[in-house]
Amino acid sequence: MNTPPSLKYVDPREFPVVSHELMTKEWCTLHRLIEEISRVQTRLGTPLEEVEDYILVRELGHKIRNKLHILQLWAELGMVDRDELMLELSAG
């Protein structure tokens, strides 16, 4: 009995689940978060510091860490092409 092509096992490393567009979007979001946290951190401890800056830095740090965990998880599960991930890491 022949297995229909739609039911055959496909190695996820051959066909990544996460598209290049989604990967690029996540990296762009990550870089924007890093730019924002850097901007707020420069105000800390200066007369320009705003009331909520400390809380904002903490929240941005959590968002950055979560984005990095997502990207790492995608790579570990084979949902992204490792070569593409390494290319993004070297560019960042």
N, C-alpha and C. Protein backbone atom coordinates (compact mmCIF):
# COMPACT_ATOMS: atom_id res chain seq x y z
N MET A 1 0.84 -1.18 0.00
CA MET A 1 0.00 0.00 0.00
C MET A 1 0.88 1.25 0.00
N ASN A 2 0.64 2.16 -0.90
CA ASN A 2 1.42 3.40 -1.01
C ASN A 2 0.82 4.49 -0.13
N THR A 3 1.69 5.20 0.56
CA THR A 3 1.25 6.32 1.40
C THR A 3 1.09 7.55 0.53
N PRO A 4 -0.05 8.24 0.64
CA PRO A 4 -0.21 9.47 -0.14
C PRO A 4 0.85 10.49 0.25
N PRO A 5 1.29 11.30 -0.71
CA PRO A 5 2.35 12.28 -0.42
C PRO A 5 2.00 13.22 0.73
N SER A 6 0.74 13.53 0.92
CA SER A 6 0.37 14.46 1.98
C SER A 6 0.54 13.85 3.37
N LEU A 7 0.63 12.51 3.48
CA LEU A 7 0.76 11.86 4.76
C LEU A 7 2.17 11.39 5.06
N LYS A 8 3.08 11.55 4.13
CA LYS A 8 4.45 11.12 4.33
C LYS A 8 5.15 12.07 5.31
N TYR A 9 6.09 11.50 6.06
CA TYR A 9 6.87 12.30 7.02
C TYR A 9 7.76 13.27 6.28
N VAL A 10 7.75 14.49 6.74
CA VAL A 10 8.62 15.53 6.18
C VAL A 10 9.50 16.04 7.31
N ASP A 11 10.81 15.98 7.10
CA ASP A 11 11.75 16.47 8.10
C ASP A 11 11.63 17.99 8.18
N PRO A 12 11.26 18.54 9.36
CA PRO A 12 11.06 19.99 9.47
C PRO A 12 12.32 20.79 9.19
N ARG A 13 13.48 20.16 9.30
CA ARG A 13 14.72 20.90 9.00
C ARG A 13 14.87 21.14 7.51
N GLU A 14 14.18 20.34 6.70
CA GLU A 14 14.25 20.55 5.26
C GLU A 14 13.34 21.69 4.82
N PHE A 15 12.21 21.85 5.49
CA PHE A 15 11.23 22.86 5.13
C PHE A 15 10.87 23.65 6.38
N PRO A 16 11.62 24.69 6.70
CA PRO A 16 11.36 25.45 7.92
C PRO A 16 9.93 25.98 7.97
N VAL A 17 9.36 25.98 9.15
CA VAL A 17 7.98 26.39 9.35
C VAL A 17 7.86 27.91 9.39
N VAL A 18 8.86 28.57 9.92
CA VAL A 18 8.81 30.02 10.06
C VAL A 18 9.34 30.66 8.77
N SER A 19 8.53 31.52 8.20
CA SER A 19 8.91 32.14 6.93
C SER A 19 10.02 33.17 7.14
N HIS A 20 10.68 33.50 6.05
CA HIS A 20 11.74 34.51 6.09
C HIS A 20 11.15 35.86 6.51
N GLU A 21 9.93 36.16 6.06
CA GLU A 21 9.28 37.43 6.40
C GLU A 21 9.02 37.53 7.90
N LEU A 22 8.54 36.44 8.50
CA LEU A 22 8.28 36.45 9.95
C LEU A 22 9.59 36.57 10.72
N MET A 23 10.60 35.87 10.25
CA MET A 23 11.91 35.94 10.91
C MET A 23 12.45 37.38 10.85
N THR A 24 12.34 38.01 9.71
CA THR A 24 12.80 39.39 9.55
C THR A 24 12.00 40.33 10.44
N LYS A 25 10.69 40.11 10.52
CA LYS A 25 9.84 40.94 11.38
C LYS A 25 10.26 40.83 12.84
N GLU A 26 10.54 39.61 13.30
CA GLU A 26 10.95 39.42 14.69
C GLU A 26 12.29 40.10 14.97
N TRP A 27 13.24 40.00 14.03
CA TRP A 27 14.54 40.65 14.21
C TRP A 27 14.40 42.16 14.23
N CYS A 28 13.53 42.70 13.36
CA CYS A 28 13.32 44.16 13.35
C CYS A 28 12.70 44.63 14.66
N THR A 29 11.73 43.87 15.16
CA THR A 29 11.12 44.20 16.44
C THR A 29 12.16 44.16 17.55
N LEU A 30 13.00 43.14 17.54
CA LEU A 30 14.05 43.01 18.55
C LEU A 30 14.99 44.20 18.51
N HIS A 31 15.40 44.61 17.32
CA HIS A 31 16.33 45.74 17.20
C HIS A 31 15.67 47.04 17.65
N ARG A 32 14.37 47.22 17.37
CA ARG A 32 13.67 48.42 17.84
C ARG A 32 13.61 48.45 19.37
N LEU A 33 13.35 47.28 19.98
CA LEU A 33 13.32 47.20 21.44
C LEU A 33 14.69 47.55 22.04
N ILE A 34 15.75 47.06 21.41
CA ILE A 34 17.11 47.34 21.89
C ILE A 34 17.42 48.83 21.77
N GLU A 35 17.02 49.44 20.66
CA GLU A 35 17.24 50.88 20.50
C GLU A 35 16.47 51.66 21.56
N GLU A 36 15.23 51.24 21.83
CA GLU A 36 14.42 51.95 22.82
C GLU A 36 14.99 51.81 24.23
N ILE A 37 15.42 50.59 24.59
CA ILE A 37 15.98 50.41 25.94
C ILE A 37 17.28 51.19 26.08
N SER A 38 18.07 51.27 25.04
CA SER A 38 19.32 52.05 25.09
C SER A 38 19.03 53.53 25.29
N ARG A 39 18.01 54.01 24.60
CA ARG A 39 17.64 55.43 24.72
C ARG A 39 17.17 55.75 26.15
N VAL A 40 16.34 54.88 26.72
CA VAL A 40 15.84 55.12 28.07
C VAL A 40 16.96 54.98 29.09
N GLN A 41 17.84 54.00 28.91
CA GLN A 41 18.94 53.78 29.85
C GLN A 41 19.87 54.98 29.94
N THR A 42 20.03 55.70 28.84
CA THR A 42 20.92 56.88 28.89
C THR A 42 20.36 57.98 29.78
N ARG A 43 19.04 57.97 30.00
CA ARG A 43 18.43 58.99 30.87
C ARG A 43 18.54 58.62 32.35
N LEU A 44 18.68 57.33 32.66
CA LEU A 44 18.69 56.91 34.06
C LEU A 44 19.83 57.58 34.82
N GLY A 45 19.52 58.10 36.00
CA GLY A 45 20.52 58.73 36.85
C GLY A 45 20.91 60.13 36.41
N THR A 46 20.17 60.69 35.48
CA THR A 46 20.45 62.06 35.02
C THR A 46 19.23 62.93 35.31
N PRO A 47 19.36 64.24 35.18
CA PRO A 47 18.19 65.12 35.37
C PRO A 47 17.08 64.87 34.34
N LEU A 48 17.41 64.21 33.25
CA LEU A 48 16.41 63.92 32.22
C LEU A 48 15.58 62.68 32.52
N GLU A 49 15.94 61.96 33.59
CA GLU A 49 15.22 60.74 33.94
C GLU A 49 13.75 61.04 34.21
N GLU A 50 12.89 60.21 33.65
CA GLU A 50 11.45 60.36 33.85
C GLU A 50 11.00 59.39 34.94
N VAL A 51 9.84 59.64 35.49
CA VAL A 51 9.34 58.89 36.64
C VAL A 51 9.26 57.39 36.37
N GLU A 52 8.82 57.00 35.22
CA GLU A 52 8.58 55.58 34.91
C GLU A 52 9.75 54.92 34.18
N ASP A 53 10.89 55.57 34.04
CA ASP A 53 12.01 55.02 33.26
C ASP A 53 12.50 53.66 33.79
N TYR A 54 12.62 53.53 35.09
CA TYR A 54 13.11 52.27 35.66
C TYR A 54 12.17 51.12 35.31
N ILE A 55 10.87 51.37 35.44
CA ILE A 55 9.88 50.34 35.11
C ILE A 55 9.91 50.04 33.62
N LEU A 56 10.05 51.07 32.80
CA LEU A 56 10.10 50.90 31.35
C LEU A 56 11.31 50.06 30.94
N VAL A 57 12.47 50.32 31.55
CA VAL A 57 13.67 49.54 31.23
C VAL A 57 13.47 48.08 31.59
N ARG A 58 12.86 47.83 32.74
CA ARG A 58 12.60 46.46 33.16
C ARG A 58 11.65 45.76 32.19
N GLU A 59 10.58 46.44 31.78
CA GLU A 59 9.62 45.85 30.84
C GLU A 59 10.26 45.59 29.47
N LEU A 60 11.05 46.53 28.99
CA LEU A 60 11.74 46.35 27.71
C LEU A 60 12.73 45.19 27.78
N GLY A 61 13.42 45.07 28.91
CA GLY A 61 14.34 43.96 29.09
C GLY A 61 13.64 42.62 29.01
N HIS A 62 12.45 42.53 29.61
CA HIS A 62 11.67 41.30 29.55
C HIS A 62 11.24 41.00 28.11
N LYS A 63 10.81 42.02 27.39
CA LYS A 63 10.39 41.83 26.00
C LYS A 63 11.55 41.36 25.14
N ILE A 64 12.72 41.95 25.35
CA ILE A 64 13.91 41.55 24.58
C ILE A 64 14.27 40.10 24.88
N ARG A 65 14.28 39.75 26.15
CA ARG A 65 14.60 38.38 26.53
C ARG A 65 13.60 37.39 25.93
N ASN A 66 12.31 37.75 25.95
CA ASN A 66 11.29 36.88 25.38
C ASN A 66 11.48 36.69 23.88
N LYS A 67 11.81 37.76 23.16
CA LYS A 67 12.05 37.65 21.71
C LYS A 67 13.25 36.73 21.45
N LEU A 68 14.30 36.89 22.24
CA LEU A 68 15.47 36.03 22.05
C LEU A 68 15.14 34.57 22.34
N HIS A 69 14.30 34.33 23.34
CA HIS A 69 13.89 32.96 23.64
C HIS A 69 13.07 32.36 22.49
N ILE A 70 12.20 33.16 21.91
CA ILE A 70 11.40 32.69 20.77
C ILE A 70 12.31 32.30 19.61
N LEU A 71 13.26 33.16 19.28
CA LEU A 71 14.17 32.88 18.18
C LEU A 71 15.01 31.63 18.46
N GLN A 72 15.46 31.49 19.70
CA GLN A 72 16.24 30.32 20.07
C GLN A 72 15.39 29.05 19.99
N LEU A 73 14.16 29.14 20.44
CA LEU A 73 13.26 27.98 20.40
C LEU A 73 12.98 27.57 18.96
N TRP A 74 12.73 28.54 18.09
CA TRP A 74 12.51 28.23 16.68
C TRP A 74 13.70 27.47 16.11
N ALA A 75 14.90 27.92 16.45
CA ALA A 75 16.11 27.27 15.93
C ALA A 75 16.23 25.86 16.49
N GLU A 76 15.99 25.69 17.79
CA GLU A 76 16.14 24.37 18.40
C GLU A 76 15.10 23.38 17.89
N LEU A 77 13.91 23.85 17.55
CA LEU A 77 12.87 22.97 17.04
C LEU A 77 12.97 22.76 15.54
N GLY A 78 13.93 23.41 14.91
CA GLY A 78 14.10 23.26 13.47
C GLY A 78 13.06 24.00 12.66
N MET A 79 12.46 25.02 13.27
CA MET A 79 11.41 25.77 12.59
C MET A 79 11.97 26.87 11.69
N VAL A 80 13.24 27.16 11.84
CA VAL A 80 13.90 28.14 10.97
C VAL A 80 15.16 27.50 10.42
N ASP A 81 15.59 28.00 9.31
CA ASP A 81 16.83 27.54 8.71
C ASP A 81 17.98 28.07 9.56
N ARG A 82 18.79 27.19 10.11
CA ARG A 82 19.90 27.61 10.99
C ARG A 82 20.85 28.57 10.28
N ASP A 83 21.08 28.37 8.99
CA ASP A 83 21.97 29.28 8.26
C ASP A 83 21.40 30.69 8.25
N GLU A 84 20.09 30.80 8.10
CA GLU A 84 19.46 32.12 8.11
C GLU A 84 19.55 32.76 9.48
N LEU A 85 19.36 31.97 10.52
CA LEU A 85 19.45 32.49 11.88
C LEU A 85 20.87 32.97 12.17
N MET A 86 21.86 32.20 11.76
CA MET A 86 23.26 32.59 11.99
C MET A 86 23.60 33.85 11.20
N LEU A 87 23.03 33.98 10.01
CA LEU A 87 23.25 35.17 9.19
C LEU A 87 22.67 36.40 9.92
N GLU A 88 21.46 36.27 10.47
CA GLU A 88 20.85 37.36 11.22
C GLU A 88 21.66 37.71 12.46
N LEU A 89 22.16 36.70 13.16
CA LEU A 89 22.95 36.94 14.37
C LEU A 89 24.24 37.68 14.05
N SER A 90 24.89 37.31 12.96
CA SER A 90 26.15 37.96 12.61
C SER A 90 25.91 39.38 12.11
N ALA A 91 24.72 39.65 11.53
CA ALA A 91 24.41 40.99 11.05
C ALA A 91 24.03 41.90 12.20
N GLY A 92 23.50 41.31 13.30
CA GLY A 92 23.01 42.13 14.44
C GLY A 92 24.10 42.49 15.32
